[in-house]
């Protein structure tokens, strides 16, 4: 995985692989300053998706504040992220409904 990314010209400073289980992928990377061009979403996540044969998303990204710094990126399975978003959305609807009925 790292070799494939480096072969494409992406410099990787550090990789922490917490899980490669299908549907539960959890990978953290430290990459050089990306200048906010979105290379994690546009290049790295799609490459990881091809390598792992499942859709991988950027779950969190903390970009360096200066050109000599490093960005910290968390990649994960799209399935888990979508399920979390659906649960959050359902909770928001329930809270909105409660507020509407409580004030009526």
Protein backbone atom coordinates (compact mmCIF):
# COMPACT_ATOMS: atom_id res chain seq x y z
CA UNK A 1 0.00 0.00 0.00
CA UNK A 2 2.74 2.45 1.00
CA UNK A 3 4.86 1.47 -2.00
CA UNK A 4 1.94 2.07 -4.37
CA UNK A 5 1.40 5.57 -2.97
CA UNK A 6 5.13 6.37 -3.07
CA UNK A 7 5.37 5.02 -6.61
CA UNK A 8 2.69 7.56 -7.56
CA UNK A 9 4.89 10.31 -6.10
CA UNK A 10 3.13 10.77 -2.77
CA UNK A 11 5.52 11.18 0.13
CA UNK A 12 4.37 9.43 3.29
CA UNK A 13 6.07 10.37 6.56
CA UNK A 14 4.28 7.90 8.84
CA UNK A 15 1.47 5.34 8.57
CA UNK A 16 -0.50 3.78 11.42
CA UNK A 17 -2.80 0.93 10.39
CA UNK A 18 -5.35 0.18 13.08
CA UNK A 19 -7.64 -2.04 11.01
CA UNK A 20 -7.81 -3.42 7.48
CA UNK A 21 -10.97 -5.40 8.20
CA UNK A 22 -13.50 -5.05 5.37
CA UNK A 23 -16.01 -2.34 6.30
CA UNK A 24 -13.93 -1.26 9.29
CA UNK A 25 -10.76 0.18 7.75
CA UNK A 26 -8.93 2.65 10.00
CA UNK A 27 -5.66 4.18 8.77
CA UNK A 28 -3.83 7.32 9.89
CA UNK A 29 -1.12 9.00 7.84
CA UNK A 30 1.27 11.86 8.22
CA UNK A 31 2.10 13.52 4.92
CA UNK A 32 4.08 16.66 4.05
CA UNK A 33 2.28 19.98 3.82
CA UNK A 34 -0.38 19.62 1.11
CA UNK A 35 -1.11 23.35 0.58
CA UNK A 36 -4.83 22.62 0.94
CA UNK A 37 -5.12 21.19 -2.58
CA UNK A 38 -7.19 18.21 -1.41
CA UNK A 39 -4.75 15.52 -2.48
CA UNK A 40 -5.99 13.27 0.33
CA UNK A 41 -9.56 13.24 -1.03
CA UNK A 42 -8.60 13.42 -4.69
CA UNK A 43 -5.64 11.03 -4.85
CA UNK A 44 -4.87 9.07 -1.69
CA UNK A 45 -8.42 7.97 -0.72
CA UNK A 46 -9.22 6.70 -4.26
CA UNK A 47 -5.90 4.83 -4.39
CA UNK A 48 -6.59 3.23 -1.01
CA UNK A 49 -10.07 2.32 -2.29
CA UNK A 50 -8.52 0.52 -5.27
CA UNK A 51 -5.91 -1.25 -3.15
CA UNK A 52 -8.35 -2.35 -0.43
CA UNK A 53 -11.25 -2.98 -2.83
CA UNK A 54 -13.76 -0.88 -0.86
CA UNK A 55 -14.66 2.79 -0.73
CA UNK A 56 -12.35 4.71 1.58
CA UNK A 57 -13.04 8.29 2.73
CA UNK A 58 -11.09 10.96 4.54
CA UNK A 59 -12.68 10.94 7.99
CA UNK A 60 -10.53 13.71 9.48
CA UNK A 61 -7.75 15.96 8.29
CA UNK A 62 -5.57 18.41 10.17
CA UNK A 63 -3.39 20.35 7.77
CA UNK A 64 -0.04 21.84 8.67
CA UNK A 65 0.03 25.57 9.19
CA UNK A 66 3.35 26.09 7.44
CA UNK A 67 5.14 24.59 4.40
CA UNK A 68 7.69 22.65 6.46
CA UNK A 69 5.01 20.94 8.58
CA UNK A 70 3.02 17.75 8.17
CA UNK A 71 -0.67 17.03 7.72
CA UNK A 72 -2.40 14.36 9.83
CA UNK A 73 -5.08 12.44 7.94
CA UNK A 74 -7.47 9.69 9.06
CA UNK A 75 -8.90 7.37 6.41
CA UNK A 76 -11.72 4.93 6.99
CA UNK A 77 -14.38 2.77 5.42
CA UNK A 78 -17.18 4.72 3.78
CA UNK A 79 -19.71 2.22 5.15
CA UNK A 80 -18.93 3.12 8.77
CA UNK A 81 -18.94 6.82 8.00
CA UNK A 82 -22.29 6.65 6.20
CA UNK A 83 -23.84 4.65 9.06
CA UNK A 84 -22.58 7.24 11.56
CA UNK A 85 -24.02 10.09 9.45
CA UNK A 86 -27.38 8.31 9.19
CA UNK A 87 -27.51 7.79 12.96
CA UNK A 88 -26.60 11.43 13.57
CA UNK A 89 -29.25 12.61 11.10
CA UNK A 90 -31.91 10.43 12.78
CA UNK A 91 -30.93 11.85 16.16
CA UNK A 92 -31.24 15.40 14.82
CA UNK A 93 -34.71 14.66 13.43
CA UNK A 94 -35.77 13.19 16.78
CA UNK A 95 -34.50 16.26 18.63
CA UNK A 96 -36.28 18.59 16.18
CA UNK A 97 -39.52 16.63 16.59
CA UNK A 98 -39.19 16.76 20.38
CA UNK A 99 -38.62 20.53 20.33
CA UNK A 100 -41.62 21.05 18.02
CA UNK A 101 -43.96 18.99 20.22
CA UNK A 102 -42.64 20.49 23.45
CA UNK A 103 -43.28 24.05 22.28
CA UNK A 104 -46.65 23.35 20.65
